[in-house]
């Protein structure tokens, strides 16, 4: 089972910042998850929420701002918002796998080219709760995709097949042995988020999850 830093290493630095990703590298996790939005002028920016309000000292929607405006936004701790290219460059020389969550609509052909030109495709997975976006992205790229879901689906395999995806990703509160077995039997991967205590980690390991997200990667290193 691979461990994955959720938005980097949130126990050491603000989520989705270069500092958080640098700490994730130091923690030794096999994978890192982060979120992207497209700016008003077509730049893919690393940020979780639709708006800037929660984590930065600015306000407003990310997709209503140009990159020139976003490049001057700072988190409440003083960190700048990274462009997608900056994060790819940081991890390019490592062996870390990346799970990139698409949080807004955008030019997925441009996104596919950006990823292809800046990072080894075999270490990339594009993920989203919007499975139509995943399907559209797959029209432009052979990069793996994973369907994010809330709740426990009746037919997870059908969901992934419909989206042209290679995996499924759910909260640790919803994954059970039956779901994992069904997905594996059909050749699909299962990711769980987020295990922030050892009991949850051991449960996910026992039922055979392939990749497990955590907000505390340094602490999680001792659980295995």
C-alpha atoms as a PDB file:
ATOM      1  CA  UNK A   1       0.000   0.000   0.000  1.00  0.00           C
ATOM      2  CA  UNK A   2       1.386   3.383  -1.042  1.00  0.00           C
ATOM      3  CA  UNK A   3       1.158   6.336   1.324  1.00  0.00           C
ATOM      4  CA  UNK A   4       0.109   9.676  -0.158  1.00  0.00           C
ATOM      5  CA  UNK A   5       0.467  13.165   1.274  1.00  0.00           C
ATOM      6  CA  UNK A   6      -2.906  14.946   1.086  1.00  0.00           C
ATOM      7  CA  UNK A   7      -2.298  18.459  -0.289  1.00  0.00           C
ATOM      8  CA  UNK A   8       1.350  17.910   0.606  1.00  0.00           C
ATOM      9  CA  UNK A   9       2.283  17.626   4.263  1.00  0.00           C
ATOM     10  CA  UNK A  10      -0.424  19.620   6.013  1.00  0.00           C
ATOM     11  CA  UNK A  11       0.950  18.868   9.455  1.00  0.00           C
ATOM     12  CA  UNK A  12       4.138  20.790   8.609  1.00  0.00           C
ATOM     13  CA  UNK A  13       3.094  23.626   6.250  1.00  0.00           C
ATOM     14  CA  UNK A  14      -0.001  25.226   4.681  1.00  0.00           C
ATOM     15  CA  UNK A  15      -1.844  22.984   2.213  1.00  0.00           C
ATOM     16  CA  UNK A  16      -1.026  23.133  -1.502  1.00  0.00           C
ATOM     17  CA  UNK A  17       2.050  25.329  -1.053  1.00  0.00           C
ATOM     18  CA  UNK A  18       5.585  24.676  -2.224  1.00  0.00           C
ATOM     19  CA  UNK A  19       6.649  24.398   1.426  1.00  0.00           C
ATOM     20  CA  UNK A  20       4.040  21.713   2.026  1.00  0.00           C
ATOM     21  CA  UNK A  21       5.253  19.788  -1.021  1.00  0.00           C
ATOM     22  CA  UNK A  22       8.890  20.094   0.026  1.00  0.00           C
ATOM     23  CA  UNK A  23       8.012  18.608   3.411  1.00  0.00           C
ATOM     24  CA  UNK A  24       6.081  15.821   1.661  1.00  0.00           C
ATOM     25  CA  UNK A  25       9.255  14.971  -0.233  1.00  0.00           C
ATOM     26  CA  UNK A  26      11.185  14.854   3.030  1.00  0.00           C
ATOM     27  CA  UNK A  27       8.580  12.553   4.597  1.00  0.00           C
ATOM     28  CA  UNK A  28       9.249   9.890   1.979  1.00  0.00           C
ATOM     29  CA  UNK A  29       5.632   9.303   0.921  1.00  0.00           C
ATOM     30  CA  UNK A  30       5.265   7.449  -2.385  1.00  0.00           C
ATOM     31  CA  UNK A  31       2.633   9.860  -3.727  1.00  0.00           C
ATOM     32  CA  UNK A  32       1.334  13.394  -3.252  1.00  0.00           C
ATOM     33  CA  UNK A  33      -2.161  14.733  -3.970  1.00  0.00           C
ATOM     34  CA  UNK A  34      -2.978  18.362  -4.766  1.00  0.00           C
ATOM     35  CA  UNK A  35      -5.673  20.489  -6.424  1.00  0.00           C
ATOM     36  CA  UNK A  36      -5.761  22.739  -9.476  1.00  0.00           C
ATOM     37  CA  UNK A  37      -8.008  25.454 -10.915  1.00  0.00           C
ATOM     38  CA  UNK A  38      -7.731  27.278 -14.217  1.00  0.00           C
ATOM     39  CA  UNK A  39      -7.341  31.050 -13.912  1.00  0.00           C
ATOM     40  CA  UNK A  40      -9.319  33.511 -16.006  1.00  0.00           C
ATOM     41  CA  UNK A  41      -6.474  33.653 -18.537  1.00  0.00           C
ATOM     42  CA  UNK A  42      -5.816  29.921 -18.775  1.00  0.00           C
ATOM     43  CA  UNK A  43      -3.097  29.268 -16.175  1.00  0.00           C
ATOM     44  CA  UNK A  44      -3.487  26.155 -14.015  1.00  0.00           C
ATOM     45  CA  UNK A  45      -3.031  27.213 -10.378  1.00  0.00           C
ATOM     46  CA  UNK A  46      -2.548  24.971  -7.339  1.00  0.00           C
ATOM     47  CA  UNK A  47      -5.330  25.751  -4.863  1.00  0.00           C
ATOM     48  CA  UNK A  48      -8.164  23.772  -3.271  1.00  0.00           C
ATOM     49  CA  UNK A  49     -11.235  25.969  -2.877  1.00  0.00           C
ATOM     50  CA  UNK A  50     -13.220  27.742  -5.580  1.00  0.00           C
ATOM     51  CA  UNK A  51     -12.503  30.980  -3.731  1.00  0.00           C
ATOM     52  CA  UNK A  52      -9.449  32.497  -2.081  1.00  0.00           C
ATOM     53  CA  UNK A  53     -11.262  33.349   1.148  1.00  0.00           C
ATOM     54  CA  UNK A  54     -10.448  30.414   3.450  1.00  0.00           C
ATOM     55  CA  UNK A  55      -6.691  30.018   3.057  1.00  0.00           C
ATOM     56  CA  UNK A  56      -5.425  33.391   1.790  1.00  0.00           C
ATOM     57  CA  UNK A  57      -5.578  37.057   2.765  1.00  0.00           C
ATOM     58  CA  UNK A  58      -7.437  37.792  -0.493  1.00  0.00           C
ATOM     59  CA  UNK A  59     -11.049  37.167  -1.531  1.00  0.00           C
ATOM     60  CA  UNK A  60     -12.922  36.213  -4.680  1.00  0.00           C
ATOM     61  CA  UNK A  61     -13.161  33.307  -7.082  1.00  0.00           C
ATOM     62  CA  UNK A  62      -9.973  31.787  -8.483  1.00  0.00           C
ATOM     63  CA  UNK A  63     -11.423  31.510 -11.996  1.00  0.00           C
ATOM     64  CA  UNK A  64     -12.323  35.212 -11.965  1.00  0.00           C
ATOM     65  CA  UNK A  65      -8.679  36.235 -11.448  1.00  0.00           C
ATOM     66  CA  UNK A  66      -5.845  36.436 -13.952  1.00  0.00           C
ATOM     67  CA  UNK A  67      -2.535  34.768 -13.189  1.00  0.00           C
ATOM     68  CA  UNK A  68      -0.987  38.222 -12.733  1.00  0.00           C
ATOM     69  CA  UNK A  69      -3.491  38.829  -9.932  1.00  0.00           C
ATOM     70  CA  UNK A  70      -3.142  35.351  -8.438  1.00  0.00           C
ATOM     71  CA  UNK A  71       0.658  35.512  -8.499  1.00  0.00           C
ATOM     72  CA  UNK A  72       0.487  38.231  -5.833  1.00  0.00           C
ATOM     73  CA  UNK A  73      -1.927  36.343  -3.550  1.00  0.00           C
ATOM     74  CA  UNK A  74      -0.441  35.019  -0.323  1.00  0.00           C
ATOM     75  CA  UNK A  75      -1.774  32.478   2.128  1.00  0.00           C
ATOM     76  CA  UNK A  76      -2.451  33.559   5.676  1.00  0.00           C
ATOM     77  CA  UNK A  77       1.000  32.193   6.535  1.00  0.00           C
ATOM     78  CA  UNK A  78       2.681  34.214   3.773  1.00  0.00           C
ATOM     79  CA  UNK A  79       3.131  31.580   1.041  1.00  0.00           C
ATOM     80  CA  UNK A  80       2.513  32.337  -2.635  1.00  0.00           C
ATOM     81  CA  UNK A  81       0.129  30.247  -4.731  1.00  0.00           C
ATOM     82  CA  UNK A  82       2.116  27.932  -7.038  1.00  0.00           C
ATOM     83  CA  UNK A  83       1.515  27.377 -10.722  1.00  0.00           C
ATOM     84  CA  UNK A  84       1.108  23.744 -11.720  1.00  0.00           C
ATOM     85  CA  UNK A  85       4.433  23.854 -13.578  1.00  0.00           C
ATOM     86  CA  UNK A  86       6.285  24.799 -10.391  1.00  0.00           C
ATOM     87  CA  UNK A  87       4.967  21.760  -8.529  1.00  0.00           C
ATOM     88  CA  UNK A  88       5.751  19.435 -11.415  1.00  0.00           C
ATOM     89  CA  UNK A  89       9.310  20.754 -11.500  1.00  0.00           C
ATOM     90  CA  UNK A  90       9.723  20.204  -7.754  1.00  0.00           C
ATOM     91  CA  UNK A  91       8.786  16.515  -8.000  1.00  0.00           C
ATOM     92  CA  UNK A  92      10.214  15.766 -11.426  1.00  0.00           C
ATOM     93  CA  UNK A  93      13.584  14.507 -10.198  1.00  0.00           C
ATOM     94  CA  UNK A  94      12.101  12.362  -7.436  1.00  0.00           C
ATOM     95  CA  UNK A  95      10.218   9.084  -7.782  1.00  0.00           C
ATOM     96  CA  UNK A  96       7.064  10.548  -6.270  1.00  0.00           C
ATOM     97  CA  UNK A  97       3.748   9.826  -7.966  1.00  0.00           C
ATOM     98  CA  UNK A  98       1.277  12.694  -8.257  1.00  0.00           C
ATOM     99  CA  UNK A  99      -2.503  12.630  -8.033  1.00  0.00           C
ATOM    100  CA  UNK A 100      -3.787  15.938  -9.418  1.00  0.00           C
ATOM    101  CA  UNK A 101      -7.377  16.833  -8.604  1.00  0.00           C
ATOM    102  CA  UNK A 102      -9.103  18.989 -11.224  1.00  0.00           C
ATOM    103  CA  UNK A 103     -11.374  21.375  -9.316  1.00  0.00           C
ATOM    104  CA  UNK A 104     -12.629  23.550 -12.183  1.00  0.00           C
ATOM    105  CA  UNK A 105     -13.516  23.334 -15.820  1.00  0.00           C
ATOM    106  CA  UNK A 106     -10.893  24.484 -18.282  1.00  0.00           C
ATOM    107  CA  UNK A 107      -8.956  23.742 -21.422  1.00  0.00           C
ATOM    108  CA  UNK A 108      -8.187  20.076 -20.853  1.00  0.00           C
ATOM    109  CA  UNK A 109      -6.268  19.774 -24.115  1.00  0.00           C
ATOM    110  CA  UNK A 110      -3.831  22.404 -22.862  1.00  0.00           C
ATOM    111  CA  UNK A 111      -3.677  20.679 -19.468  1.00  0.00           C
ATOM    112  CA  UNK A 112      -2.880  17.356 -21.128  1.00  0.00           C
ATOM    113  CA  UNK A 113      -0.045  18.919 -23.136  1.00  0.00           C
ATOM    114  CA  UNK A 114       1.324  20.721 -20.082  1.00  0.00           C
ATOM    115  CA  UNK A 115       1.476  17.485 -18.100  1.00  0.00           C
ATOM    116  CA  UNK A 116       2.962  15.513 -20.993  1.00  0.00           C
ATOM    117  CA  UNK A 117       5.718  18.078 -21.533  1.00  0.00           C
ATOM    118  CA  UNK A 118       6.646  18.600 -17.889  1.00  0.00           C
ATOM    119  CA  UNK A 119       6.389  15.282 -16.036  1.00  0.00           C
ATOM    120  CA  UNK A 120       6.718  11.514 -16.624  1.00  0.00           C
ATOM    121  CA  UNK A 121       3.209  10.347 -17.526  1.00  0.00           C
ATOM    122  CA  UNK A 122       3.615   7.002 -15.759  1.00  0.00           C
ATOM    123  CA  UNK A 123       3.811   8.833 -12.415  1.00  0.00           C
ATOM    124  CA  UNK A 124       0.691  10.937 -12.991  1.00  0.00           C
ATOM    125  CA  UNK A 125      -2.980  10.396 -12.209  1.00  0.00           C
ATOM    126  CA  UNK A 126      -5.645  13.035 -12.856  1.00  0.00           C
ATOM    127  CA  UNK A 127      -8.574  12.797 -10.443  1.00  0.00           C
ATOM    128  CA  UNK A 128     -11.906  14.573 -10.067  1.00  0.00           C
ATOM    129  CA  UNK A 129     -15.394  14.363  -8.605  1.00  0.00           C
ATOM    130  CA  UNK A 130     -16.608  15.569 -12.012  1.00  0.00           C
ATOM    131  CA  UNK A 131     -16.409  12.445 -14.150  1.00  0.00           C
ATOM    132  CA  UNK A 132     -17.420  14.327 -17.300  1.00  0.00           C
ATOM    133  CA  UNK A 133     -14.237  16.356 -16.957  1.00  0.00           C
ATOM    134  CA  UNK A 134     -12.231  13.147 -16.605  1.00  0.00           C
ATOM    135  CA  UNK A 135     -13.815  11.762 -19.740  1.00  0.00           C
ATOM    136  CA  UNK A 136     -13.016  14.980 -21.613  1.00  0.00           C
ATOM    137  CA  UNK A 137      -9.427  14.935 -20.349  1.00  0.00           C
ATOM    138  CA  UNK A 138      -9.039  11.340 -21.551  1.00  0.00           C
ATOM    139  CA  UNK A 139     -10.019  12.492 -25.048  1.00  0.00           C
ATOM    140  CA  UNK A 140      -6.683  14.350 -25.100  1.00  0.00           C
ATOM    141  CA  UNK A 141      -4.378  12.146 -23.042  1.00  0.00           C
ATOM    142  CA  UNK A 142      -3.476   8.577 -22.098  1.00  0.00           C
ATOM    143  CA  UNK A 143      -2.575   9.689 -18.552  1.00  0.00           C
ATOM    144  CA  UNK A 144      -4.371   7.603 -15.907  1.00  0.00           C
ATOM    145  CA  UNK A 145      -7.524   9.006 -14.327  1.00  0.00           C
ATOM    146  CA  UNK A 146      -9.364   8.192 -11.112  1.00  0.00           C
ATOM    147  CA  UNK A 147     -13.002   8.870 -10.152  1.00  0.00           C
ATOM    148  CA  UNK A 148     -13.485  10.597  -6.813  1.00  0.00           C
ATOM    149  CA  UNK A 149     -16.744   9.725  -5.064  1.00  0.00           C
ATOM    150  CA  UNK A 150     -18.751  10.530  -1.967  1.00  0.00           C
ATOM    151  CA  UNK A 151     -20.556   7.509  -0.524  1.00  0.00           C
ATOM    152  CA  UNK A 152     -20.418   3.788  -1.259  1.00  0.00           C
ATOM    153  CA  UNK A 153     -21.490   3.009  -4.860  1.00  0.00           C
ATOM    154  CA  UNK A 154     -23.561  -0.017  -5.846  1.00  0.00           C
ATOM    155  CA  UNK A 155     -21.472  -0.584  -8.971  1.00  0.00           C
ATOM    156  CA  UNK A 156     -18.029   1.059  -8.742  1.00  0.00           C
ATOM    157  CA  UNK A 157     -16.742  -0.763 -11.830  1.00  0.00           C
ATOM    158  CA  UNK A 158     -19.506   0.642 -14.012  1.00  0.00           C
ATOM    159  CA  UNK A 159     -18.712   4.160 -12.795  1.00  0.00           C
ATOM    160  CA  UNK A 160     -15.047   3.847 -13.741  1.00  0.00           C
ATOM    161  CA  UNK A 161     -15.815   2.240 -17.082  1.00  0.00           C
ATOM    162  CA  UNK A 162     -18.254   5.036 -17.943  1.00  0.00           C
ATOM    163  CA  UNK A 163     -15.619   7.670 -17.216  1.00  0.00           C
ATOM    164  CA  UNK A 164     -12.843   5.774 -18.992  1.00  0.00           C
ATOM    165  CA  UNK A 165     -10.958   5.814 -15.695  1.00  0.00           C
ATOM    166  CA  UNK A 166      -8.447   3.380 -14.209  1.00  0.00           C
ATOM    167  CA  UNK A 167      -9.277   3.774 -10.531  1.00  0.00           C
ATOM    168  CA  UNK A 168     -11.650   4.986  -7.842  1.00  0.00           C
ATOM    169  CA  UNK A 169     -11.003   7.154  -4.775  1.00  0.00           C
ATOM    170  CA  UNK A 170     -13.223   7.421  -1.697  1.00  0.00           C
ATOM    171  CA  UNK A 171     -13.159   8.506   1.926  1.00  0.00           C
ATOM    172  CA  UNK A 172     -11.915   5.946   4.452  1.00  0.00           C
ATOM    173  CA  UNK A 173     -15.418   6.168   5.949  1.00  0.00           C
ATOM    174  CA  UNK A 174     -16.951   4.508   2.873  1.00  0.00           C
ATOM    175  CA  UNK A 175     -14.484   1.881   1.618  1.00  0.00           C
ATOM    176  CA  UNK A 176     -15.095  -1.739   2.525  1.00  0.00           C
ATOM    177  CA  UNK A 177     -13.653  -5.132   1.593  1.00  0.00           C
ATOM    178  CA  UNK A 178     -16.358  -5.854  -0.984  1.00  0.00           C
ATOM    179  CA  UNK A 179     -15.664  -2.652  -2.932  1.00  0.00           C
ATOM    180  CA  UNK A 180     -11.918  -3.293  -2.996  1.00  0.00           C
ATOM    181  CA  UNK A 181     -12.417  -6.879  -4.131  1.00  0.00           C
ATOM    182  CA  UNK A 182     -14.810  -5.876  -6.935  1.00  0.00           C
ATOM    183  CA  UNK A 183     -12.461  -3.180  -8.210  1.00  0.00           C
ATOM    184  CA  UNK A 184      -9.374  -5.384  -8.103  1.00  0.00           C
ATOM    185  CA  UNK A 185     -11.154  -8.253  -9.836  1.00  0.00           C
ATOM    186  CA  UNK A 186     -11.922  -5.922 -12.742  1.00  0.00           C
ATOM    187  CA  UNK A 187      -8.384  -4.494 -12.841  1.00  0.00           C
ATOM    188  CA  UNK A 188      -9.032  -1.110 -11.210  1.00  0.00           C
ATOM    189  CA  UNK A 189      -7.135   0.585  -8.370  1.00  0.00           C
ATOM    190  CA  UNK A 190      -8.583   1.875  -5.094  1.00  0.00           C
ATOM    191  CA  UNK A 191      -7.409   5.000  -3.271  1.00  0.00           C
ATOM    192  CA  UNK A 192      -8.653   6.031   0.184  1.00  0.00           C
ATOM    193  CA  UNK A 193      -8.527   9.405   1.930  1.00  0.00           C
ATOM    194  CA  UNK A 194      -7.566  10.313   4.624  1.00  0.00           C
ATOM    195  CA  UNK A 195      -6.088   8.103   7.337  1.00  0.00           C
ATOM    196  CA  UNK A 196      -4.888  10.313  10.185  1.00  0.00           C
ATOM    197  CA  UNK A 197      -4.661   7.663  12.893  1.00  0.00           C
ATOM    198  CA  UNK A 198      -3.019   4.243  13.056  1.00  0.00           C
ATOM    199  CA  UNK A 199      -6.253   2.271  13.503  1.00  0.00           C
ATOM    200  CA  UNK A 200      -7.634   3.614  10.214  1.00  0.00           C
ATOM    201  CA  UNK A 201      -4.298   2.977   8.498  1.00  0.00           C
ATOM    202  CA  UNK A 202      -4.285  -0.659   9.626  1.00  0.00           C
ATOM    203  CA  UNK A 203      -7.900  -1.163   8.517  1.00  0.00           C
ATOM    204  CA  UNK A 204      -7.187   0.184   5.025  1.00  0.00           C
ATOM    205  CA  UNK A 205      -4.062  -1.938   4.752  1.00  0.00           C
ATOM    206  CA  UNK A 206      -6.000  -5.018   5.827  1.00  0.00           C
ATOM    207  CA  UNK A 207      -8.734  -4.630   3.206  1.00  0.00           C
ATOM    208  CA  UNK A 208      -6.169  -4.093   0.443  1.00  0.00           C
ATOM    209  CA  UNK A 209      -6.357  -0.410  -0.524  1.00  0.00           C
ATOM    210  CA  UNK A 210      -3.715   0.459  -3.135  1.00  0.00           C
ATOM    211  CA  UNK A 211      -3.013   4.060  -2.112  1.00  0.00           C
ATOM    212  CA  UNK A 212      -3.840   5.764   1.187  1.00  0.00           C
ATOM    213  CA  UNK A 213      -3.895   9.525   1.707  1.00  0.00           C
ATOM    214  CA  UNK A 214      -2.940  11.185   4.972  1.00  0.00           C
ATOM    215  CA  UNK A 215      -2.650  14.705   6.377  1.00  0.00           C
ATOM    216  CA  UNK A 216       0.168  13.583   8.704  1.00  0.00           C
ATOM    217  CA  UNK A 217       2.796  11.882   6.527  1.00  0.00           C
ATOM    218  CA  UNK A 218       5.615  12.162   9.060  1.00  0.00           C
ATOM    219  CA  UNK A 219       3.535  10.465  11.753  1.00  0.00           C
ATOM    220  CA  UNK A 220       2.165   7.900   9.279  1.00  0.00           C
ATOM    221  CA  UNK A 221       5.690   6.757   8.417  1.00  0.00           C
ATOM    222  CA  UNK A 222       5.839   4.894  11.744  1.00  0.00           C
ATOM    223  CA  UNK A 223       2.558   2.998  11.250  1.00  0.00           C
ATOM    224  CA  UNK A 224       3.833   0.506   8.705  1.00  0.00           C
END
